[in-house]
């Protein structure tokens, strides 16, 4: 969806809106987390039930994140935002985690082994993973904003609130 909106905005405007820049910062952060979490924590875990095609997993968890990062690094149009905008990138993932934990407690089903409180790492491990991934996500959003600010300085753009 972000790519479709981005394509439309690229054809119709010179600069991204504040909201769309925040969405792009978030997508940048999510893409990096997706790639790292999959490749570090999930790649070699056997699937229980459905096994997606290998090309699908590789493209979703490796190549799409690479393309998104490259797009952020080299695309034009983004605006410079204040660093505090990085916190918006945590809104959706934290809501997802809250929903997932509540659903998991009700159904006993957990989408990832590192979220399972009855797993080998226990509740403390789940909390540590959530905090670690959220911190990593915030750092990625911070990096995205620094990149945007650097490009804006090179183009002599003002800082947006």
C-alpha atoms as a PDB file:
ATOM      1  CA  UNK A   1       0.000   0.000   0.000  1.00  0.00           C
ATOM      2  CA  UNK A   2       2.804   2.401   0.882  1.00  0.00           C
ATOM      3  CA  UNK A   3       4.400   1.787  -2.515  1.00  0.00           C
ATOM      4  CA  UNK A   4       1.112   2.479  -4.320  1.00  0.00           C
ATOM      5  CA  UNK A   5       0.520   5.717  -2.419  1.00  0.00           C
ATOM      6  CA  UNK A   6       4.163   6.615  -2.940  1.00  0.00           C
ATOM      7  CA  UNK A   7       3.823   6.100  -6.666  1.00  0.00           C
ATOM      8  CA  UNK A   8       0.766   8.326  -6.764  1.00  0.00           C
ATOM      9  CA  UNK A   9       2.459  11.039  -4.702  1.00  0.00           C
ATOM     10  CA  UNK A  10       5.583  10.852  -6.844  1.00  0.00           C
ATOM     11  CA  UNK A  11       3.493  11.678  -9.896  1.00  0.00           C
ATOM     12  CA  UNK A  12       1.396  14.389  -8.280  1.00  0.00           C
ATOM     13  CA  UNK A  13       3.604  16.203  -5.750  1.00  0.00           C
ATOM     14  CA  UNK A  14       7.163  17.392  -5.388  1.00  0.00           C
ATOM     15  CA  UNK A  15       7.489  16.502  -1.700  1.00  0.00           C
ATOM     16  CA  UNK A  16       5.991  13.805   0.483  1.00  0.00           C
ATOM     17  CA  UNK A  17       3.491  14.841   3.119  1.00  0.00           C
ATOM     18  CA  UNK A  18       4.392  14.659   6.797  1.00  0.00           C
ATOM     19  CA  UNK A  19       2.081  11.683   7.289  1.00  0.00           C
ATOM     20  CA  UNK A  20       3.474   9.801   4.322  1.00  0.00           C
ATOM     21  CA  UNK A  21       7.034  10.445   5.476  1.00  0.00           C
ATOM     22  CA  UNK A  22       6.138   8.992   8.879  1.00  0.00           C
ATOM     23  CA  UNK A  23       4.614   5.969   7.137  1.00  0.00           C
ATOM     24  CA  UNK A  24       7.757   5.553   5.050  1.00  0.00           C
ATOM     25  CA  UNK A  25       9.982   5.834   8.132  1.00  0.00           C
ATOM     26  CA  UNK A  26       7.851   3.148   9.765  1.00  0.00           C
ATOM     27  CA  UNK A  27       7.976   0.869   6.726  1.00  0.00           C
ATOM     28  CA  UNK A  28      11.758   1.307   6.564  1.00  0.00           C
ATOM     29  CA  UNK A  29      12.001   0.254  10.195  1.00  0.00           C
ATOM     30  CA  UNK A  30       9.601  -2.674   9.794  1.00  0.00           C
ATOM     31  CA  UNK A  31      11.455  -3.930   6.737  1.00  0.00           C
ATOM     32  CA  UNK A  32      14.773  -4.050   8.546  1.00  0.00           C
ATOM     33  CA  UNK A  33      13.218  -5.768  11.546  1.00  0.00           C
ATOM     34  CA  UNK A  34      11.465  -8.263   9.266  1.00  0.00           C
ATOM     35  CA  UNK A  35      14.704  -9.158   7.547  1.00  0.00           C
ATOM     36  CA  UNK A  36      16.757  -9.422  10.713  1.00  0.00           C
ATOM     37  CA  UNK A  37      14.175 -11.292  12.814  1.00  0.00           C
ATOM     38  CA  UNK A  38      13.496 -13.785  10.048  1.00  0.00           C
ATOM     39  CA  UNK A  39      17.137 -14.423   9.271  1.00  0.00           C
ATOM     40  CA  UNK A  40      18.360 -14.487  12.880  1.00  0.00           C
ATOM     41  CA  UNK A  41      15.461 -16.041  14.793  1.00  0.00           C
ATOM     42  CA  UNK A  42      13.168 -17.834  12.369  1.00  0.00           C
ATOM     43  CA  UNK A  43      14.998 -19.014   9.260  1.00  0.00           C
ATOM     44  CA  UNK A  44      15.822 -22.546  10.393  1.00  0.00           C
ATOM     45  CA  UNK A  45      12.797 -23.245  12.561  1.00  0.00           C
ATOM     46  CA  UNK A  46      10.705 -26.068  11.103  1.00  0.00           C
ATOM     47  CA  UNK A  47       7.182 -25.103  10.170  1.00  0.00           C
ATOM     48  CA  UNK A  48       4.229 -26.766  11.820  1.00  0.00           C
ATOM     49  CA  UNK A  49       1.604 -27.216   9.153  1.00  0.00           C
ATOM     50  CA  UNK A  50       1.700 -24.988   6.097  1.00  0.00           C
ATOM     51  CA  UNK A  51       5.075 -24.604   4.431  1.00  0.00           C
ATOM     52  CA  UNK A  52       5.160 -21.609   2.069  1.00  0.00           C
ATOM     53  CA  UNK A  53       7.208 -21.789  -1.130  1.00  0.00           C
ATOM     54  CA  UNK A  54      10.879 -20.981  -0.560  1.00  0.00           C
ATOM     55  CA  UNK A  55      10.891 -18.131  -3.086  1.00  0.00           C
ATOM     56  CA  UNK A  56       7.987 -16.494  -1.270  1.00  0.00           C
ATOM     57  CA  UNK A  57       9.776 -16.576   2.078  1.00  0.00           C
ATOM     58  CA  UNK A  58      13.031 -15.348   0.574  1.00  0.00           C
ATOM     59  CA  UNK A  59      11.444 -12.474  -1.302  1.00  0.00           C
ATOM     60  CA  UNK A  60       9.290 -11.379   1.642  1.00  0.00           C
ATOM     61  CA  UNK A  61      11.945 -11.671   4.321  1.00  0.00           C
ATOM     62  CA  UNK A  62      15.140 -10.881   2.423  1.00  0.00           C
ATOM     63  CA  UNK A  63      14.658  -9.087  -0.878  1.00  0.00           C
ATOM     64  CA  UNK A  64      11.702  -6.837  -0.096  1.00  0.00           C
ATOM     65  CA  UNK A  65      13.485  -5.402   2.965  1.00  0.00           C
ATOM     66  CA  UNK A  66      16.576  -4.764   0.839  1.00  0.00           C
ATOM     67  CA  UNK A  67      14.502  -2.942  -1.794  1.00  0.00           C
ATOM     68  CA  UNK A  68      12.727  -0.853   0.850  1.00  0.00           C
ATOM     69  CA  UNK A  69      16.015   0.208   2.431  1.00  0.00           C
ATOM     70  CA  UNK A  70      17.481   1.085  -0.972  1.00  0.00           C
ATOM     71  CA  UNK A  71      14.327   3.004  -1.842  1.00  0.00           C
ATOM     72  CA  UNK A  72      14.652   5.059   1.342  1.00  0.00           C
ATOM     73  CA  UNK A  73      18.333   5.703   0.780  1.00  0.00           C
ATOM     74  CA  UNK A  74      18.049   6.869  -2.808  1.00  0.00           C
ATOM     75  CA  UNK A  75      14.549   8.221  -3.371  1.00  0.00           C
ATOM     76  CA  UNK A  76      13.694  11.859  -3.421  1.00  0.00           C
ATOM     77  CA  UNK A  77      10.668  13.677  -2.114  1.00  0.00           C
ATOM     78  CA  UNK A  78      10.841  12.869   1.569  1.00  0.00           C
ATOM     79  CA  UNK A  79      10.806  15.742   3.997  1.00  0.00           C
ATOM     80  CA  UNK A  80      12.886  16.299   7.091  1.00  0.00           C
ATOM     81  CA  UNK A  81      11.060  15.609  10.347  1.00  0.00           C
ATOM     82  CA  UNK A  82      11.991  16.122  13.952  1.00  0.00           C
ATOM     83  CA  UNK A  83      13.590  13.098  15.585  1.00  0.00           C
ATOM     84  CA  UNK A  84      10.621  12.605  17.911  1.00  0.00           C
ATOM     85  CA  UNK A  85       8.662  11.405  14.865  1.00  0.00           C
ATOM     86  CA  UNK A  86      10.500   8.086  15.256  1.00  0.00           C
ATOM     87  CA  UNK A  87       8.073   7.065  18.004  1.00  0.00           C
ATOM     88  CA  UNK A  88       5.255   6.798  15.461  1.00  0.00           C
ATOM     89  CA  UNK A  89       7.020   3.745  14.044  1.00  0.00           C
ATOM     90  CA  UNK A  90       6.291   1.852  17.266  1.00  0.00           C
ATOM     91  CA  UNK A  91       2.546   2.447  17.292  1.00  0.00           C
ATOM     92  CA  UNK A  92       1.467  -0.376  14.980  1.00  0.00           C
ATOM     93  CA  UNK A  93       3.952  -3.019  16.211  1.00  0.00           C
ATOM     94  CA  UNK A  94       3.089  -2.438  19.864  1.00  0.00           C
ATOM     95  CA  UNK A  95      -0.631  -2.634  19.081  1.00  0.00           C
ATOM     96  CA  UNK A  96       0.056  -5.867  17.163  1.00  0.00           C
ATOM     97  CA  UNK A  97       2.008  -7.315  20.091  1.00  0.00           C
ATOM     98  CA  UNK A  98      -0.777  -6.417  22.528  1.00  0.00           C
ATOM     99  CA  UNK A  99      -3.362  -8.063  20.278  1.00  0.00           C
ATOM    100  CA  UNK A 100      -1.140 -11.104  19.710  1.00  0.00           C
ATOM    101  CA  UNK A 101      -0.472 -11.625  23.408  1.00  0.00           C
ATOM    102  CA  UNK A 102      -4.159 -11.333  24.288  1.00  0.00           C
ATOM    103  CA  UNK A 103      -5.118 -13.691  21.464  1.00  0.00           C
ATOM    104  CA  UNK A 104      -2.356 -16.122  22.423  1.00  0.00           C
ATOM    105  CA  UNK A 105      -3.503 -16.181  26.032  1.00  0.00           C
ATOM    106  CA  UNK A 106      -7.035 -16.975  24.880  1.00  0.00           C
ATOM    107  CA  UNK A 107      -6.275 -19.471  22.114  1.00  0.00           C
ATOM    108  CA  UNK A 108      -2.891 -20.876  23.123  1.00  0.00           C
ATOM    109  CA  UNK A 109      -1.561 -20.176  19.619  1.00  0.00           C
ATOM    110  CA  UNK A 110       1.533 -18.019  19.143  1.00  0.00           C
ATOM    111  CA  UNK A 111       2.734 -16.909  15.694  1.00  0.00           C
ATOM    112  CA  UNK A 112       6.409 -16.996  16.666  1.00  0.00           C
ATOM    113  CA  UNK A 113       8.242 -19.181  19.153  1.00  0.00           C
ATOM    114  CA  UNK A 114       9.932 -16.217  20.823  1.00  0.00           C
ATOM    115  CA  UNK A 115       6.489 -14.853  21.800  1.00  0.00           C
ATOM    116  CA  UNK A 116       5.398 -18.037  23.527  1.00  0.00           C
ATOM    117  CA  UNK A 117       5.442 -17.501  27.309  1.00  0.00           C
ATOM    118  CA  UNK A 118       5.414 -21.268  27.966  1.00  0.00           C
ATOM    119  CA  UNK A 119       8.483 -21.674  25.752  1.00  0.00           C
ATOM    120  CA  UNK A 120      12.023 -22.239  26.962  1.00  0.00           C
ATOM    121  CA  UNK A 121      12.641 -18.547  27.705  1.00  0.00           C
ATOM    122  CA  UNK A 122       9.428 -18.020  29.671  1.00  0.00           C
ATOM    123  CA  UNK A 123       7.629 -14.733  30.162  1.00  0.00           C
ATOM    124  CA  UNK A 124      10.885 -12.916  30.864  1.00  0.00           C
ATOM    125  CA  UNK A 125      12.232 -14.033  27.519  1.00  0.00           C
ATOM    126  CA  UNK A 126       9.102 -12.848  25.739  1.00  0.00           C
ATOM    127  CA  UNK A 127       9.360  -9.442  27.394  1.00  0.00           C
ATOM    128  CA  UNK A 128      13.058  -9.260  26.533  1.00  0.00           C
ATOM    129  CA  UNK A 129      12.372 -10.089  22.873  1.00  0.00           C
ATOM    130  CA  UNK A 130       9.570  -7.532  22.669  1.00  0.00           C
ATOM    131  CA  UNK A 131      11.693  -4.814  24.255  1.00  0.00           C
ATOM    132  CA  UNK A 132      14.700  -5.735  22.141  1.00  0.00           C
ATOM    133  CA  UNK A 133      12.770  -5.711  18.888  1.00  0.00           C
ATOM    134  CA  UNK A 134      10.976  -2.468  19.814  1.00  0.00           C
ATOM    135  CA  UNK A 135      14.311  -0.844  20.627  1.00  0.00           C
ATOM    136  CA  UNK A 136      15.783  -2.070  17.359  1.00  0.00           C
ATOM    137  CA  UNK A 137      12.726  -0.720  15.546  1.00  0.00           C
ATOM    138  CA  UNK A 138      13.095   2.693  17.191  1.00  0.00           C
ATOM    139  CA  UNK A 139      16.787   2.787  16.275  1.00  0.00           C
ATOM    140  CA  UNK A 140      15.917   1.996  12.662  1.00  0.00           C
ATOM    141  CA  UNK A 141      13.343   4.791  12.599  1.00  0.00           C
ATOM    142  CA  UNK A 142      15.934   7.141  14.102  1.00  0.00           C
ATOM    143  CA  UNK A 143      18.398   6.175  11.366  1.00  0.00           C
ATOM    144  CA  UNK A 144      15.740   6.750   8.696  1.00  0.00           C
ATOM    145  CA  UNK A 145      15.059  10.221  10.070  1.00  0.00           C
ATOM    146  CA  UNK A 146      18.767  11.040  10.174  1.00  0.00           C
ATOM    147  CA  UNK A 147      19.045   9.980   6.535  1.00  0.00           C
ATOM    148  CA  UNK A 148      16.065  12.178   5.633  1.00  0.00           C
ATOM    149  CA  UNK A 149      17.514  15.126   7.534  1.00  0.00           C
ATOM    150  CA  UNK A 150      20.875  14.686   5.849  1.00  0.00           C
ATOM    151  CA  UNK A 151      19.287  14.668   2.397  1.00  0.00           C
ATOM    152  CA  UNK A 152      17.167  17.693   3.357  1.00  0.00           C
ATOM    153  CA  UNK A 153      20.259  19.623   4.462  1.00  0.00           C
ATOM    154  CA  UNK A 154      21.927  18.808   1.182  1.00  0.00           C
ATOM    155  CA  UNK A 155      18.847  20.175  -0.607  1.00  0.00           C
ATOM    156  CA  UNK A 156      18.505  23.065   1.881  1.00  0.00           C
ATOM    157  CA  UNK A 157      14.968  22.106   2.939  1.00  0.00           C
ATOM    158  CA  UNK A 158      13.343  23.356   6.148  1.00  0.00           C
ATOM    159  CA  UNK A 159      12.699  21.078   9.121  1.00  0.00           C
ATOM    160  CA  UNK A 160       9.021  20.126   9.460  1.00  0.00           C
ATOM    161  CA  UNK A 161       7.360  19.767  12.879  1.00  0.00           C
END
